Amino acid sequence: MPIIQPHKPLIDWSNIDTVLLDMDGTLLDLHFDWHFWMHVIPHAYAEQNQLALSDAKALIHQKIHSQTGTLNWYCLDYWSATLNLPIAQLKRELKHQIKVHPQVLDFLARLKQLNKHVVMVTNAHRDSLALKLEMTEIGAYFDVLVSAHDFGTPKEDIALWSHLHNATPFNPQRTLLIDDNLHALQSAKDYGIAYLLCATHVSPELEKIDPKDFAGFERYEQIMP
């Protein structure tokens, strides 16, 4: 009979001291944000400016696309000023739709049990981060909560990781980043972070991420320590 080789785990947790975790799409269902920006904001903008919804959608999508990869893309203050809409208030009205991915809390609890240094690194604006911490139980499992807005640069920029290291020191060779943003994963790789995982299942409502050259996973049970 052929010998069946055991499945090689994606991560050797004995090599990991620090775990850097993205929030939206990685820990939380991305559908909340997708629905907010693709539907709620265009409707609000159309109503405020007496535009056809199709025209408002086209305009909003163009404005969002123009800021891809920048901190403005994630900045509620920027969009409030640009669109003249109370973005943070509108988000709060939908807060009941914020959902944690299955098994995330078990995963975070296990990291805590193993005494890993667990750091959230999100591009989300501090107001958005505060709202999501209010509506979920994830905050209690983190040693440090970092918004890229604290440093004035997004995770897509390699400089972010130097800022992060200065704020909460870590050994890149014993650090894991889990993110659904391929550009963030690439900048972390370029910085020297040794372990990188793409969270491919951002929402049951949205298409899975193609991890390209990065290792990927869909369910937290696949990487549970």
Protein backbone atom coordinates (compact mmCIF):
# COMPACT_ATOMS: atom_id res chain seq x y z
CA MET A 1 0.00 0.00 0.00
CA PRO A 2 1.26 3.53 -0.73
CA ILE A 3 2.43 5.55 2.26
CA ILE A 4 0.21 8.59 2.82
CA GLN A 5 2.32 11.58 3.76
CA PRO A 6 0.85 13.80 6.50
CA HIS A 7 -0.34 17.21 5.36
CA LYS A 8 2.35 19.80 5.96
CA PRO A 9 0.98 22.63 8.14
CA LEU A 10 1.01 26.13 6.67
CA ILE A 11 2.77 27.51 9.74
CA ASP A 12 5.30 26.03 12.15
CA TRP A 13 4.10 27.89 15.23
CA SER A 14 7.24 27.03 17.18
CA ASN A 15 9.06 29.53 14.94
CA ILE A 16 6.62 32.39 15.64
CA ASP A 17 6.89 34.88 18.50
CA THR A 18 4.87 37.79 17.06
CA VAL A 19 1.62 37.61 15.09
CA LEU A 20 0.58 40.68 13.11
CA LEU A 21 -3.07 40.61 12.10
CA ASP A 22 -5.06 42.72 9.69
CA MET A 23 -8.69 43.42 10.62
CA ASP A 24 -11.14 43.95 7.74
CA GLY A 25 -11.44 40.89 5.52
CA THR A 26 -8.93 38.99 7.64
CA LEU A 27 -10.68 38.87 11.02
CA LEU A 28 -13.97 40.53 10.09
CA ASP A 29 -16.37 39.88 7.22
CA LEU A 30 -15.49 42.42 4.52
CA HIS A 31 -19.09 42.59 3.28
CA PHE A 32 -19.88 45.30 5.84
CA ASP A 33 -17.33 47.69 4.31
CA TRP A 34 -18.03 46.65 0.72
CA HIS A 35 -21.76 47.25 1.14
CA PHE A 36 -21.13 50.57 2.88
CA TRP A 37 -18.87 52.01 0.19
CA MET A 38 -20.49 50.46 -2.87
CA HIS A 39 -24.15 51.05 -1.93
CA VAL A 40 -24.80 53.14 1.17
CA ILE A 41 -22.46 56.02 0.29
CA PRO A 42 -23.58 56.33 -3.38
CA HIS A 43 -27.24 56.40 -2.24
CA ALA A 44 -26.48 59.09 0.36
CA TYR A 45 -24.45 61.12 -2.14
CA ALA A 46 -27.14 60.86 -4.81
CA GLU A 47 -29.82 62.03 -2.38
CA GLN A 48 -27.74 64.92 -1.05
CA ASN A 49 -26.69 66.16 -4.50
CA GLN A 50 -29.91 65.33 -6.38
CA LEU A 51 -28.11 62.99 -8.76
CA ALA A 52 -29.23 59.83 -10.47
CA LEU A 53 -28.01 56.85 -8.46
CA SER A 54 -26.07 55.52 -11.46
CA ASP A 55 -24.22 58.84 -11.79
CA ALA A 56 -23.49 58.93 -8.06
CA LYS A 57 -22.15 55.35 -8.13
CA ALA A 58 -19.89 56.11 -11.09
CA LEU A 59 -18.55 59.25 -9.41
CA ILE A 60 -17.97 57.59 -6.03
CA HIS A 61 -16.29 54.55 -7.59
CA GLN A 62 -13.98 56.82 -9.61
CA LYS A 63 -13.03 58.82 -6.53
CA ILE A 64 -12.37 55.66 -4.51
CA HIS A 65 -10.31 54.13 -7.30
CA SER A 66 -8.18 57.29 -7.54
CA GLN A 67 -7.03 56.79 -3.93
CA THR A 68 -6.22 53.07 -4.13
CA GLY A 69 -3.07 52.22 -2.17
CA THR A 70 -3.02 55.49 -0.27
CA LEU A 71 -3.97 56.26 3.31
CA ASN A 72 -6.79 58.48 2.02
CA TRP A 73 -8.51 55.34 0.72
CA TYR A 74 -9.07 54.31 4.35
CA CYS A 75 -9.47 57.75 5.93
CA LEU A 76 -12.97 58.64 7.13
CA ASP A 77 -11.95 62.28 7.61
CA TYR A 78 -10.76 62.50 4.00
CA TRP A 79 -14.00 61.05 2.64
CA SER A 80 -16.15 63.18 4.91
CA ALA A 81 -14.48 66.29 3.52
CA THR A 82 -14.34 65.07 -0.09
CA LEU A 83 -17.96 63.93 -0.28
CA ASN A 84 -19.41 66.32 2.31
CA LEU A 85 -21.06 63.38 4.07
CA PRO A 86 -20.93 62.31 7.76
CA ILE A 87 -19.07 59.10 6.98
CA ALA A 88 -18.42 57.98 10.57
CA GLN A 89 -22.06 58.62 11.53
CA LEU A 90 -23.35 56.66 8.53
CA LYS A 91 -21.08 53.75 9.43
CA ARG A 92 -22.33 53.75 12.99
CA GLU A 93 -25.91 53.45 11.75
CA LEU A 94 -24.98 50.11 10.16
CA LYS A 95 -22.83 48.79 13.00
CA HIS A 96 -25.15 45.84 13.63
CA GLN A 97 -23.90 44.37 10.34
CA ILE A 98 -20.30 44.01 11.58
CA LYS A 99 -19.42 40.30 11.82
CA VAL A 100 -16.39 38.30 12.91
CA HIS A 101 -15.28 35.40 10.71
CA PRO A 102 -15.97 31.90 12.08
CA GLN A 103 -13.28 30.50 14.41
CA VAL A 104 -11.51 33.87 14.76
CA LEU A 105 -12.15 34.15 18.49
CA ASP A 106 -10.94 30.57 19.04
CA PHE A 107 -7.82 31.37 17.03
CA LEU A 108 -7.11 34.56 19.00
CA ALA A 109 -7.71 32.78 22.29
CA ARG A 110 -5.23 30.08 21.29
CA LEU A 111 -2.57 32.68 20.43
CA LYS A 112 -3.12 34.25 23.85
CA GLN A 113 -2.82 30.85 25.50
CA LEU A 114 0.52 30.28 23.75
CA ASN A 115 1.80 33.71 24.89
CA LYS A 116 2.33 34.98 21.37
CA HIS A 117 2.79 38.74 20.99
CA VAL A 118 -0.38 39.63 19.07
CA VAL A 119 -0.56 42.96 17.25
CA MET A 120 -3.36 44.34 15.10
CA VAL A 121 -2.03 46.30 12.15
CA THR A 122 -4.87 47.82 10.17
CA ASN A 123 -5.17 50.56 7.58
CA ALA A 124 -8.58 51.35 9.05
CA HIS A 125 -9.18 54.82 10.43
CA ARG A 126 -9.23 55.00 14.23
CA ASP A 127 -12.98 55.81 14.22
CA SER A 128 -13.68 52.70 12.17
CA LEU A 129 -11.41 50.62 14.38
CA ALA A 130 -13.17 51.86 17.52
CA LEU A 131 -16.59 51.00 16.08
CA LYS A 132 -15.53 47.47 15.19
CA LEU A 133 -13.94 46.88 18.57
CA GLU A 134 -17.18 48.09 20.16
CA MET A 135 -19.23 45.60 18.14
CA THR A 136 -16.96 42.54 18.48
CA GLU A 137 -14.92 40.80 21.18
CA ILE A 138 -11.62 40.77 19.29
CA GLY A 139 -9.95 43.69 21.08
CA ALA A 140 -9.36 41.81 24.32
CA TYR A 141 -7.00 39.36 22.61
CA PHE A 142 -4.48 41.92 21.34
CA ASP A 143 -1.38 43.21 23.08
CA VAL A 144 -1.21 46.23 20.77
CA LEU A 145 -3.75 47.82 18.40
CA VAL A 146 -2.17 49.88 15.61
CA SER A 147 -3.80 51.96 12.88
CA ALA A 148 -1.61 52.93 9.94
CA HIS A 149 -3.05 56.42 10.44
CA ASP A 150 -0.95 56.60 13.61
CA PHE A 151 2.13 56.72 11.35
CA GLY A 152 0.70 58.58 8.38
CA THR A 153 1.48 55.80 5.92
CA PRO A 154 -0.40 52.68 4.77
CA LYS A 155 0.75 49.07 4.98
CA GLU A 156 1.37 49.15 1.24
CA ASP A 157 4.41 51.35 2.04
CA ILE A 158 7.48 49.51 3.37
CA ALA A 159 8.11 52.41 5.77
CA LEU A 160 5.08 51.30 7.82
CA TRP A 161 6.92 48.26 9.14
CA SER A 162 9.83 50.35 10.42
CA HIS A 163 7.37 52.63 12.21
CA LEU A 164 5.67 49.57 13.67
CA HIS A 165 8.97 48.09 14.83
CA ASN A 166 9.83 51.33 16.61
CA ALA A 167 6.42 51.39 18.31
CA THR A 168 6.35 47.72 19.35
CA PRO A 169 9.64 45.89 18.65
CA PHE A 170 9.54 42.49 16.98
CA ASN A 171 11.99 40.11 15.33
CA PRO A 172 11.03 39.98 11.61
CA GLN A 173 12.51 36.47 11.32
CA ARG A 174 10.10 35.19 13.98
CA THR A 175 7.06 37.20 12.91
CA LEU A 176 3.93 36.20 10.99
CA LEU A 177 1.67 38.63 9.13
CA ILE A 178 -1.85 37.52 8.17
CA ASP A 179 -3.58 39.88 5.75
CA ASP A 180 -5.92 39.85 2.75
CA ASN A 181 -4.05 42.74 1.10
CA LEU A 182 -1.43 41.41 -1.32
CA HIS A 183 0.33 44.77 -1.52
CA ALA A 184 0.66 44.86 2.27
CA LEU A 185 1.99 41.30 2.27
CA GLN A 186 4.54 42.26 -0.40
CA SER A 187 5.75 45.34 1.47
CA ALA A 188 6.10 43.23 4.63
CA LYS A 189 8.08 40.65 2.66
CA ASP A 190 10.34 43.37 1.26
CA TYR A 191 10.90 44.63 4.81
CA GLY A 192 12.00 41.17 5.90
CA ILE A 193 9.03 39.67 7.73
CA ALA A 194 9.61 35.95 7.31
CA TYR A 195 6.15 34.41 7.59
CA LEU A 196 3.28 35.65 5.45
CA LEU A 197 -0.24 34.29 4.99
CA CYS A 198 -3.04 35.57 2.77
CA ALA A 199 -6.56 35.32 4.19
CA THR A 200 -8.42 34.44 0.99
CA HIS A 201 -12.00 34.10 2.29
CA VAL A 202 -12.85 37.74 3.00
CA SER A 203 -16.62 37.20 3.01
CA PRO A 204 -19.21 34.58 2.07
CA GLU A 205 -20.74 37.34 -0.07
CA LEU A 206 -17.58 38.20 -2.01
CA GLU A 207 -15.12 36.40 -4.28
CA LYS A 208 -12.11 34.75 -2.69
CA ILE A 209 -8.74 36.47 -2.93
CA ASP A 210 -6.18 34.94 -5.28
CA PRO A 211 -3.09 34.75 -3.03
CA LYS A 212 -0.73 34.76 -6.04
CA ASP A 213 2.73 33.80 -4.75
CA PHE A 214 1.73 33.85 -1.07
CA ALA A 215 0.49 30.92 0.97
CA GLY A 216 -3.24 31.25 1.55
CA PHE A 217 -5.96 29.83 3.77
CA GLU A 218 -9.76 30.01 3.87
CA ARG A 219 -10.70 28.89 7.38
CA TYR A 220 -8.93 29.48 10.67
CA GLU A 221 -9.09 25.81 11.52
CA GLN A 222 -6.49 25.34 8.77
CA ILE A 223 -3.92 27.38 10.69
CA MET A 224 -5.00 26.84 14.29
CA PRO A 225 -1.89 26.44 16.52
